[in-house]
Amino acid sequence: MIRDEQTLAALASMHGVHQTMTAQCKRQAIEGMAATFSGKQAPEATISPVDVVKLHAKTGQMLVERDFSRDASVRLGLLRGGKRLT
Protein backbone atom coordinates (compact mmCIF):
# COMPACT_ATOMS: atom_id res chain seq x y z
CA MET A 1 0.00 0.00 0.00
CA ILE A 2 2.70 2.48 0.93
CA ARG A 3 4.79 1.68 -2.15
CA ASP A 4 1.83 2.09 -4.53
CA GLU A 5 2.03 -1.50 -5.79
CA GLN A 6 -1.77 -1.45 -6.06
CA THR A 7 -4.24 1.35 -6.62
CA LEU A 8 -6.28 2.72 -3.75
CA ALA A 9 -9.39 1.39 -5.50
CA ALA A 10 -7.94 -2.13 -5.65
CA LEU A 11 -6.92 -2.03 -1.99
CA ALA A 12 -10.30 -0.67 -0.94
CA SER A 13 -12.07 -3.41 -2.86
CA MET A 14 -9.77 -6.10 -1.46
CA HIS A 15 -10.42 -5.06 2.14
CA GLY A 16 -14.06 -4.06 1.72
CA VAL A 17 -13.63 -0.42 2.69
CA HIS A 18 -14.13 2.91 0.94
CA GLN A 19 -11.24 4.43 -1.02
CA THR A 20 -11.26 7.46 1.28
CA MET A 21 -10.59 5.25 4.28
CA THR A 22 -7.73 3.54 2.44
CA ALA A 23 -6.20 6.92 1.57
CA GLN A 24 -6.52 8.09 5.19
CA CYS A 25 -4.85 4.93 6.49
CA LYS A 26 -2.00 5.39 4.04
CA ARG A 27 -1.54 9.02 5.08
CA GLN A 28 -1.58 8.10 8.78
CA ALA A 29 0.93 5.30 8.21
CA ILE A 30 3.34 7.60 6.41
CA GLU A 31 2.99 10.28 9.10
CA GLY A 32 3.48 7.66 11.80
CA MET A 33 6.64 6.35 10.15
CA ALA A 34 8.05 9.86 9.90
CA ALA A 35 7.45 10.39 13.62
CA THR A 36 8.92 6.99 14.48
CA PHE A 37 12.17 7.58 12.64
CA SER A 38 12.55 11.23 13.61
CA GLY A 39 13.15 10.29 17.23
CA LYS A 40 10.56 12.79 18.42
CA GLN A 41 8.04 11.63 20.96
CA ALA A 42 4.49 12.10 19.74
CA PRO A 43 2.27 13.81 22.30
CA GLU A 44 -0.15 11.40 23.89
CA ALA A 45 -3.79 12.24 23.70
CA THR A 46 -5.08 13.02 27.15
CA ILE A 47 -8.59 12.91 28.43
CA SER A 48 -9.63 14.70 31.56
CA PRO A 49 -11.31 12.89 34.46
CA VAL A 50 -14.35 15.14 33.94
CA ASP A 51 -14.66 13.88 30.34
CA VAL A 52 -14.40 10.28 31.53
CA VAL A 53 -17.24 10.85 34.00
CA LYS A 54 -19.36 12.44 31.25
CA LEU A 55 -18.69 9.54 28.89
CA HIS A 56 -19.60 6.99 31.57
CA ALA A 57 -22.83 8.86 32.30
CA LYS A 58 -23.72 9.02 28.60
CA THR A 59 -22.98 5.31 28.18
CA GLY A 60 -25.23 4.49 31.13
CA GLN A 61 -27.99 6.68 29.73
CA MET A 62 -27.77 5.00 26.34
CA LEU A 63 -27.90 1.53 27.92
CA VAL A 64 -31.03 2.46 29.86
CA GLU A 65 -32.64 3.84 26.69
CA ARG A 66 -31.69 0.73 24.71
CA ASP A 67 -33.12 -1.59 27.36
CA PHE A 68 -36.31 0.49 27.63
CA SER A 69 -36.79 0.41 23.85
CA ARG A 70 -36.15 -3.32 23.68
CA ASP A 71 -38.56 -4.07 26.52
CA ALA A 72 -41.24 -1.83 25.01
CA SER A 73 -40.82 -3.56 21.65
CA VAL A 74 -41.23 -6.96 23.30
CA ARG A 75 -44.39 -5.77 25.10
CA LEU A 76 -45.79 -4.41 21.83
CA GLY A 77 -45.10 -7.70 20.09
CA LEU A 78 -42.49 -6.27 17.73
CA LEU A 79 -39.74 -8.40 19.24
CA ARG A 80 -39.75 -11.84 20.78
CA GLY A 81 -36.92 -12.55 23.21
CA GLY A 82 -34.85 -9.69 21.85
CA LYS A 83 -35.19 -10.85 18.23
CA ARG A 84 -37.23 -9.07 15.60
CA LEU A 85 -40.31 -10.85 14.37
CA THR A 86 -40.57 -11.29 10.61
PDB file of N, CA and C in Angstrom:
ATOM      1  N   MET A   1       0.828  -1.192   0.000  1.00  0.00           N
ATOM      2  CA  MET A   1       0.000   0.000   0.000  1.00  0.00           C
ATOM      3  C   MET A   1       0.869   1.250   0.000  1.00  0.00           C
ATOM      4  N   ILE A   2       1.856   1.291   0.831  1.00  0.00           N
ATOM      5  CA  ILE A   2       2.695   2.484   0.931  1.00  0.00           C
ATOM      6  C   ILE A   2       3.495   2.679  -0.348  1.00  0.00           C
ATOM      7  N   ARG A   3       3.942   1.583  -0.953  1.00  0.00           N
ATOM      8  CA  ARG A   3       4.785   1.677  -2.147  1.00  0.00           C
ATOM      9  C   ARG A   3       3.986   1.784  -3.435  1.00  0.00           C
ATOM     10  N   ASP A   4       2.692   1.937  -3.362  1.00  0.00           N
ATOM     11  CA  ASP A   4       1.830   2.088  -4.531  1.00  0.00           C
ATOM     12  C   ASP A   4       1.918   0.904  -5.497  1.00  0.00           C
ATOM     13  N   GLU A   5       2.032  -0.313  -4.946  1.00  0.00           N
ATOM     14  CA  GLU A   5       2.031  -1.501  -5.791  1.00  0.00           C
ATOM     15  C   GLU A   5       0.635  -1.770  -6.340  1.00  0.00           C
ATOM     16  N   GLN A   6      -0.383  -1.309  -5.618  1.00  0.00           N
ATOM     17  CA  GLN A   6      -1.769  -1.447  -6.058  1.00  0.00           C
ATOM     18  C   GLN A   6      -2.450  -0.101  -5.922  1.00  0.00           C
ATOM     19  N   THR A   7      -3.503   0.089  -6.704  1.00  0.00           N
ATOM     20  CA  THR A   7      -4.242   1.347  -6.618  1.00  0.00           C
ATOM     21  C   THR A   7      -5.059   1.374  -5.333  1.00  0.00           C
ATOM     22  N   LEU A   8      -5.429   2.582  -4.925  1.00  0.00           N
ATOM     23  CA  LEU A   8      -6.280   2.715  -3.746  1.00  0.00           C
ATOM     24  C   LEU A   8      -7.610   2.001  -3.966  1.00  0.00           C
ATOM     25  N   ALA A   9      -8.124   2.059  -5.196  1.00  0.00           N
ATOM     26  CA  ALA A   9      -9.393   1.393  -5.505  1.00  0.00           C
ATOM     27  C   ALA A   9      -9.268  -0.120  -5.327  1.00  0.00           C
ATOM     28  N   ALA A  10      -8.146  -0.685  -5.781  1.00  0.00           N
ATOM     29  CA  ALA A  10      -7.944  -2.129  -5.652  1.00  0.00           C
ATOM     30  C   ALA A  10      -7.812  -2.523  -4.183  1.00  0.00           C
ATOM     31  N   LEU A  11      -7.072  -1.735  -3.419  1.00  0.00           N
ATOM     32  CA  LEU A  11      -6.918  -2.028  -1.995  1.00  0.00           C
ATOM     33  C   LEU A  11      -8.246  -1.903  -1.254  1.00  0.00           C
ATOM     34  N   ALA A  12      -9.005  -0.870  -1.584  1.00  0.00           N
ATOM     35  CA  ALA A  12     -10.296  -0.667  -0.943  1.00  0.00           C
ATOM     36  C   ALA A  12     -11.225  -1.839  -1.235  1.00  0.00           C
ATOM     37  N   SER A  13     -11.229  -2.282  -2.471  1.00  0.00           N
ATOM     38  CA  SER A  13     -12.067  -3.412  -2.863  1.00  0.00           C
ATOM     39  C   SER A  13     -11.623  -4.691  -2.156  1.00  0.00           C
ATOM     40  N   MET A  14     -10.319  -4.894  -2.074  1.00  0.00           N
ATOM     41  CA  MET A  14      -9.766  -6.103  -1.458  1.00  0.00           C
ATOM     42  C   MET A  14     -10.139  -6.193   0.017  1.00  0.00           C
ATOM     43  N   HIS A  15     -10.157  -5.059   0.697  1.00  0.00           N
ATOM     44  CA  HIS A  15     -10.420  -5.058   2.137  1.00  0.00           C
ATOM     45  C   HIS A  15     -11.849  -4.661   2.489  1.00  0.00           C
ATOM     46  N   GLY A  16     -12.658  -4.373   1.486  1.00  0.00           N
ATOM     47  CA  GLY A  16     -14.065  -4.063   1.724  1.00  0.00           C
ATOM     48  C   GLY A  16     -14.299  -2.742   2.420  1.00  0.00           C
ATOM     49  N   VAL A  17     -13.464  -1.743   2.108  1.00  0.00           N
ATOM     50  CA  VAL A  17     -13.628  -0.420   2.693  1.00  0.00           C
ATOM     51  C   VAL A  17     -13.684   0.610   1.575  1.00  0.00           C
ATOM     52  N   HIS A  18     -14.049   1.833   1.923  1.00  0.00           N
ATOM     53  CA  HIS A  18     -14.134   2.912   0.936  1.00  0.00           C
ATOM     54  C   HIS A  18     -12.728   3.413   0.612  1.00  0.00           C
ATOM     55  N   GLN A  19     -12.542   3.920  -0.598  1.00  0.00           N
ATOM     56  CA  GLN A  19     -11.238   4.429  -1.020  1.00  0.00           C
ATOM     57  C   GLN A  19     -10.737   5.547  -0.111  1.00  0.00           C
ATOM     58  N   THR A  20     -11.651   6.362   0.385  1.00  0.00           N
ATOM     59  CA  THR A  20     -11.264   7.456   1.276  1.00  0.00           C
ATOM     60  C   THR A  20     -10.601   6.919   2.532  1.00  0.00           C
ATOM     61  N   MET A  21     -11.157   5.844   3.075  1.00  0.00           N
ATOM     62  CA  MET A  21     -10.586   5.254   4.276  1.00  0.00           C
ATOM     63  C   MET A  21      -9.194   4.688   3.987  1.00  0.00           C
ATOM     64  N   THR A  22      -9.032   4.071   2.833  1.00  0.00           N
ATOM     65  CA  THR A  22      -7.728   3.535   2.437  1.00  0.00           C
ATOM     66  C   THR A  22      -6.706   4.658   2.328  1.00  0.00           C
ATOM     67  N   ALA A  23      -7.105   5.778   1.720  1.00  0.00           N
ATOM     68  CA  ALA A  23      -6.199   6.917   1.572  1.00  0.00           C
ATOM     69  C   ALA A  23      -5.828   7.496   2.936  1.00  0.00           C
ATOM     70  N   GLN A  24      -6.795   7.572   3.856  1.00  0.00           N
ATOM     71  CA  GLN A  24      -6.522   8.094   5.195  1.00  0.00           C
ATOM     72  C   GLN A  24      -5.554   7.184   5.943  1.00  0.00           C
ATOM     73  N   CYS A  25      -5.745   5.878   5.817  1.00  0.00           N
ATOM     74  CA  CYS A  25      -4.854   4.930   6.486  1.00  0.00           C
ATOM     75  C   CYS A  25      -3.433   5.070   5.955  1.00  0.00           C
ATOM     76  N   LYS A  26      -3.320   5.223   4.655  1.00  0.00           N
ATOM     77  CA  LYS A  26      -2.000   5.388   4.042  1.00  0.00           C
ATOM     78  C   LYS A  26      -1.326   6.660   4.561  1.00  0.00           C
ATOM     79  N   ARG A  27      -2.079   7.753   4.601  1.00  0.00           N
ATOM     80  CA  ARG A  27      -1.536   9.021   5.084  1.00  0.00           C
ATOM     81  C   ARG A  27      -1.092   8.900   6.534  1.00  0.00           C
ATOM     82  N   GLN A  28      -1.923   8.269   7.367  1.00  0.00           N
ATOM     83  CA  GLN A  28      -1.577   8.102   8.783  1.00  0.00           C
ATOM     84  C   GLN A  28      -0.346   7.215   8.951  1.00  0.00           C
ATOM     85  N   ALA A  29      -0.231   6.184   8.127  1.00  0.00           N
ATOM     86  CA  ALA A  29       0.929   5.297   8.213  1.00  0.00           C
ATOM     87  C   ALA A  29       2.207   6.045   7.862  1.00  0.00           C
ATOM     88  N   ILE A  30       2.157   6.840   6.810  1.00  0.00           N
ATOM     89  CA  ILE A  30       3.335   7.603   6.408  1.00  0.00           C
ATOM     90  C   ILE A  30       3.710   8.617   7.488  1.00  0.00           C
ATOM     91  N   GLU A  31       2.720   9.315   8.030  1.00  0.00           N
ATOM     92  CA  GLU A  31       2.993  10.281   9.096  1.00  0.00           C
ATOM     93  C   GLU A  31       3.540   9.583  10.337  1.00  0.00           C
ATOM     94  N   GLY A  32       3.016   8.415  10.633  1.00  0.00           N
ATOM     95  CA  GLY A  32       3.480   7.660  11.795  1.00  0.00           C
ATOM     96  C   GLY A  32       4.914   7.192  11.628  1.00  0.00           C
ATOM     97  N   MET A  33       5.264   6.771  10.400  1.00  0.00           N
ATOM     98  CA  MET A  33       6.642   6.350  10.153  1.00  0.00           C
ATOM     99  C   MET A  33       7.597   7.522  10.295  1.00  0.00           C
ATOM    100  N   ALA A  34       7.197   8.675   9.802  1.00  0.00           N
ATOM    101  CA  ALA A  34       8.047   9.858   9.902  1.00  0.00           C
ATOM    102  C   ALA A  34       8.307  10.189  11.368  1.00  0.00           C
ATOM    103  N   ALA A  35       7.286  10.097  12.194  1.00  0.00           N
ATOM    104  CA  ALA A  35       7.445  10.386  13.619  1.00  0.00           C
ATOM    105  C   ALA A  35       8.304   9.324  14.295  1.00  0.00           C
ATOM    106  N   THR A  36       8.155   8.076  13.882  1.00  0.00           N
ATOM    107  CA  THR A  36       8.921   6.987  14.482  1.00  0.00           C
ATOM    108  C   THR A  36      10.406   7.154  14.229  1.00  0.00           C
ATOM    109  N   PHE A  37      10.769   7.496  12.997  1.00  0.00           N
ATOM    110  CA  PHE A  37      12.173   7.578  12.644  1.00  0.00           C
ATOM    111  C   PHE A  37      12.796   8.944  12.927  1.00  0.00           C
ATOM    112  N   SER A  38      11.987   9.919  13.294  1.00  0.00           N
ATOM    113  CA  SER A  38      12.547  11.229  13.608  1.00  0.00           C
ATOM    114  C   SER A  38      13.098  11.280  15.026  1.00  0.00           C
ATOM    115  N   GLY A  39      12.691  10.321  15.856  1.00  0.00           N
ATOM    116  CA  GLY A  39      13.152  10.289  17.230  1.00  0.00           C
ATOM    117  C   GLY A  39      12.341  11.183  18.150  1.00  0.00           C
ATOM    118  N   LYS A  40      11.395  11.908  17.605  1.00  0.00           N
ATOM    119  CA  LYS A  40      10.564  12.785  18.421  1.00  0.00           C
ATOM    120  C   LYS A  40       9.430  11.972  19.037  1.00  0.00           C
ATOM    121  N   GLN A  41       9.134  12.288  20.259  1.00  0.00           N
ATOM    122  CA  GLN A  41       8.036  11.629  20.957  1.00  0.00           C
ATOM    123  C   GLN A  41       6.728  12.306  20.579  1.00  0.00           C
ATOM    124  N   ALA A  42       5.796  11.547  20.074  1.00  0.00           N
ATOM    125  CA  ALA A  42       4.486  12.102  19.737  1.00  0.00           C
ATOM    126  C   ALA A  42       3.723  12.386  21.020  1.00  0.00           C
ATOM    127  N   PRO A  43       3.044  13.522  21.083  1.00  0.00           N
ATOM    128  CA  PRO A  43       2.270  13.814  22.296  1.00  0.00           C
ATOM    129  C   PRO A  43       1.109  12.838  22.429  1.00  0.00           C
ATOM    130  N   GLU A  44       0.948  12.324  23.642  1.00  0.00           N
ATOM    131  CA  GLU A  44      -0.151  11.404  23.891  1.00  0.00           C
ATOM    132  C   GLU A  44      -1.440  12.173  24.077  1.00  0.00           C
ATOM    133  N   ALA A  45      -2.475  11.626  23.520  1.00  0.00           N
ATOM    134  CA  ALA A  45      -3.788  12.237  23.704  1.00  0.00           C
ATOM    135  C   ALA A  45      -4.201  12.045  25.160  1.00  0.00           C
ATOM    136  N   THR A  46      -4.657  13.109  25.756  1.00  0.00           N
ATOM    137  CA  THR A  46      -5.083  13.016  27.149  1.00  0.00           C
ATOM    138  C   THR A  46      -6.569  13.307  27.239  1.00  0.00           C
ATOM    139  N   ILE A  47      -7.177  12.677  28.191  1.00  0.00           N
ATOM    140  CA  ILE A  47      -8.593  12.907  28.429  1.00  0.00           C
ATOM    141  C   ILE A  47      -8.738  13.235  29.911  1.00  0.00           C
ATOM    142  N   SER A  48      -9.495  14.250  30.177  1.00  0.00           N
ATOM    143  CA  SER A  48      -9.632  14.697  31.561  1.00  0.00           C
ATOM    144  C   SER A  48     -10.576  13.777  32.327  1.00  0.00           C
ATOM    145  N   PRO A  49     -10.402  13.693  33.634  1.00  0.00           N
ATOM    146  CA  PRO A  49     -11.311  12.886  34.457  1.00  0.00           C
ATOM    147  C   PRO A  49     -12.766  13.333  34.321  1.00  0.00           C
ATOM    148  N   VAL A  50     -12.980  14.623  34.105  1.00  0.00           N
ATOM    149  CA  VAL A  50     -14.347  15.137  33.935  1.00  0.00           C
ATOM    150  C   VAL A  50     -14.960  14.542  32.668  1.00  0.00           C
ATOM    151  N   ASP A  51     -14.158  14.464  31.584  1.00  0.00           N
ATOM    152  CA  ASP A  51     -14.657  13.880  30.338  1.00  0.00           C
ATOM    153  C   ASP A  51     -14.969  12.398  30.516  1.00  0.00           C
ATOM    154  N   VAL A  52     -14.155  11.701  31.281  1.00  0.00           N
ATOM    155  CA  VAL A  52     -14.404  10.279  31.533  1.00  0.00           C
ATOM    156  C   VAL A  52     -15.733  10.101  32.261  1.00  0.00           C
ATOM    157  N   VAL A  53     -15.979  10.929  33.252  1.00  0.00           N
ATOM    158  CA  VAL A  53     -17.241  10.854  33.999  1.00  0.00           C
ATOM    159  C   VAL A  53     -18.421  11.125  33.063  1.00  0.00           C
ATOM    160  N   LYS A  54     -18.286  12.131  32.203  1.00  0.00           N
ATOM    161  CA  LYS A  54     -19.360  12.444  31.248  1.00  0.00           C
ATOM    162  C   LYS A  54     -19.608  11.286  30.293  1.00  0.00           C
ATOM    163  N   LEU A  55     -18.536  10.673  29.815  1.00  0.00           N
ATOM    164  CA  LEU A  55     -18.690   9.536  28.895  1.00  0.00           C
ATOM    165  C   LEU A  55     -19.346   8.349  29.585  1.00  0.00           C
ATOM    166  N   HIS A  56     -18.974   8.082  30.830  1.00  0.00           N
ATOM    167  CA  HIS A  56     -19.604   6.986  31.573  1.00  0.00           C
ATOM    168  C   HIS A  56     -21.088   7.263  31.781  1.00  0.00           C
ATOM    169  N   ALA A  57     -21.424   8.499  32.099  1.00  0.00           N
ATOM    170  CA  ALA A  57     -22.826   8.862  32.302  1.00  0.00           C
ATOM    171  C   ALA A  57     -23.608   8.690  31.005  1.00  0.00           C
ATOM    172  N   LYS A  58     -23.032   9.134  29.894  1.00  0.00           N
ATOM    173  CA  LYS A  58     -23.716   9.018  28.600  1.00  0.00           C
ATOM    174  C   LYS A  58     -23.898   7.556  28.220  1.00  0.00           C
ATOM    175  N   THR A  59     -22.878   6.738  28.471  1.00  0.00           N
ATOM    176  CA  THR A  59     -22.980   5.310  28.176  1.00  0.00           C
ATOM    177  C   THR A  59     -24.096   4.676  29.000  1.00  0.00           C
ATOM    178  N   GLY A  60     -24.161   5.017  30.277  1.00  0.00           N
ATOM    179  CA  GLY A  60     -25.230   4.494  31.133  1.00  0.00           C
ATOM    180  C   GLY A  60     -26.596   4.907  30.644  1.00  0.00           C
ATOM    181  N   GLN A  61     -26.717   6.174  30.241  1.00  0.00           N
ATOM    182  CA  GLN A  61     -27.995   6.681  29.727  1.00  0.00           C
ATOM    183  C   GLN A  61     -28.404   5.914  28.475  1.00  0.00           C
ATOM    184  N   MET A  62     -27.453   5.695  27.585  1.00  0.00           N
ATOM    185  CA  MET A  62     -27.767   4.998  26.337  1.00  0.00           C
ATOM    186  C   MET A  62     -28.154   3.544  26.592  1.00  0.00           C
ATOM    187  N   LEU A  63     -27.529   2.896  27.578  1.00  0.00           N
ATOM    188  CA  LEU A  63     -27.897   1.527  27.917  1.00  0.00           C
ATOM    189  C   LEU A  63     -29.310   1.458  28.466  1.00  0.00           C
ATOM    190  N   VAL A  64     -29.669   2.417  29.317  1.00  0.00           N
ATOM    191  CA  VAL A  64     -31.032   2.459  29.862  1.00  0.00           C
ATOM    192  C   VAL A  64     -32.037   2.660  28.734  1.00  0.00           C
ATOM    193  N   GLU A  65     -31.738   3.578  27.813  1.00  0.00           N
ATOM    194  CA  GLU A  65     -32.644   3.840  26.692  1.00  0.00           C
ATOM    195  C   GLU A  65     -32.768   2.619  25.786  1.00  0.00           C
ATOM    196  N   ARG A  66     -31.649   1.931  25.537  1.00  0.00           N
ATOM    197  CA  ARG A  66     -31.688   0.727  24.708  1.00  0.00           C
ATOM    198  C   ARG A  66     -32.555  -0.343  25.350  1.00  0.00           C
ATOM    199  N   ASP A  67     -32.347  -0.571  26.656  1.00  0.00           N
ATOM    200  CA  ASP A  67     -33.120  -1.590  27.356  1.00  0.00           C
ATOM    201  C   ASP A  67     -34.605  -1.235  27.392  1.00  0.00           C
ATOM    202  N   PHE A  68     -34.915   0.045  27.611  1.00  0.00           N
ATOM    203  CA  PHE A  68     -36.306   0.486  27.628  1.00  0.00           C
ATOM    204  C   PHE A  68     -36.956   0.231  26.265  1.00  0.00           C
ATOM    205  N   SER A  69     -36.246   0.600  25.197  1.00  0.00           N
ATOM    206  CA  SER A  69     -36.789   0.410  23.845  1.00  0.00           C
ATOM    207  C   SER A  69     -36.989  -1.066  23.530  1.00  0.00           C
ATOM    208  N   ARG A  70     -36.026  -1.886  23.926  1.00  0.00           N
ATOM    209  CA  ARG A  70     -36.145  -3.323  23.676  1.00  0.00           C
ATOM    210  C   ARG A  70     -37.337  -3.900  24.436  1.00  0.00           C
ATOM    211  N   ASP A  71     -37.450  -3.546  25.714  1.00  0.00           N
ATOM    212  CA  ASP A  71     -38.557  -4.066  26.522  1.00  0.00           C
ATOM    213  C   ASP A  71     -39.913  -3.595  25.986  1.00  0.00           C
ATOM    214  N   ALA A  72     -39.992  -2.342  25.579  1.00  0.00           N
ATOM    215  CA  ALA A  72     -41.237  -1.827  25.013  1.00  0.00           C
ATOM    216  C   ALA A  72     -41.581  -2.558  23.718  1.00  0.00           C
ATOM    217  N   SER A  73     -40.578  -2.846  22.903  1.00  0.00           N
ATOM    218  CA  SER A  73     -40.816  -3.559  21.652  1.00  0.00           C
ATOM    219  C   SER A  73     -41.308  -4.973  21.906  1.00  0.00           C
ATOM    220  N   VAL A  74     -40.774  -5.613  22.940  1.00  0.00           N
ATOM    221  CA  VAL A  74     -41.235  -6.957  23.295  1.00  0.00           C
ATOM    222  C   VAL A  74     -42.688  -6.900  23.757  1.00  0.00           C
ATOM    223  N   ARG A  75     -43.012  -5.897  24.616  1.00  0.00           N
ATOM    224  CA  ARG A  75     -44.393  -5.770  25.102  1.00  0.00           C
ATOM    225  C   ARG A  75     -45.369  -5.474  23.963  1.00  0.00           C
ATOM    226  N   LEU A  76     -44.921  -4.732  22.968  1.00  0.00           N
ATOM    227  CA  LEU A  76     -45.789  -4.412  21.831  1.00  0.00           C
ATOM    228  C   LEU A  76     -45.865  -5.537  20.809  1.00  0.00           C
ATOM    229  N   GLY A  77     -45.078  -6.569  21.010  1.00  0.00           N
ATOM    230  CA  GLY A  77     -45.102  -7.695  20.094  1.00  0.00           C
ATOM    231  C   GLY A  77     -44.235  -7.501  18.867  1.00  0.00           C
ATOM    232  N   LEU A  78     -43.382  -6.498  18.874  1.00  0.00           N
ATOM    233  CA  LEU A  78     -42.492  -6.269  17.731  1.00  0.00           C
ATOM    234  C   LEU A  78     -41.249  -7.135  17.802  1.00  0.00           C
ATOM    235  N   LEU A  79     -40.894  -7.542  19.024  1.00  0.00           N
ATOM    236  CA  LEU A  79     -39.739  -8.405  19.235  1.00  0.00           C
ATOM    237  C   LEU A  79     -40.168  -9.578  20.104  1.00  0.00           C
ATOM    238  N   ARG A  80     -39.502 -10.691  19.921  1.00  0.00           N
ATOM    239  CA  ARG A  80     -39.746 -11.837  20.784  1.00  0.00           C
ATOM    240  C   ARG A  80     -38.393 -12.293  21.327  1.00  0.00           C
ATOM    241  N   GLY A  81     -38.174 -12.146  22.600  1.00  0.00           N
ATOM    242  CA  GLY A  81     -36.922 -12.549  23.215  1.00  0.00           C
ATOM    243  C   GLY A  81     -35.727 -11.769  22.696  1.00  0.00           C
ATOM    244  N   GLY A  82     -35.946 -10.520  22.331  1.00  0.00           N
ATOM    245  CA  GLY A  82     -34.852  -9.686  21.849  1.00  0.00           C
ATOM    246  C   GLY A  82     -34.588  -9.820  20.362  1.00  0.00           C
ATOM    247  N   LYS A  83     -35.369 -10.676  19.671  1.00  0.00           N
ATOM    248  CA  LYS A  83     -35.186 -10.846  18.230  1.00  0.00           C
ATOM    249  C   LYS A  83     -36.411 -10.336  17.488  1.00  0.00           C
ATOM    250  N   ARG A  84     -36.149  -9.662  16.392  1.00  0.00           N
ATOM    251  CA  ARG A  84     -37.226  -9.069  15.600  1.00  0.00           C
ATOM    252  C   ARG A  84     -38.093 -10.149  14.962  1.00  0.00           C
ATOM    253  N   LEU A  85     -39.386  -9.931  15.019  1.00  0.00           N
ATOM    254  CA  LEU A  85     -40.313 -10.847  14.371  1.00  0.00           C
ATOM    255  C   LEU A  85     -40.395 -10.513  12.891  1.00  0.00           C
ATOM    256  N   THR A  86     -40.476 -11.551  12.058  1.00  0.00           N
ATOM    257  CA  THR A  86     -40.570 -11.290  10.614  1.00  0.00           C
ATOM    258  C   THR A  86     -41.946 -11.520  10.100  1.00  0.00           C
TER     259      THR A  86
END
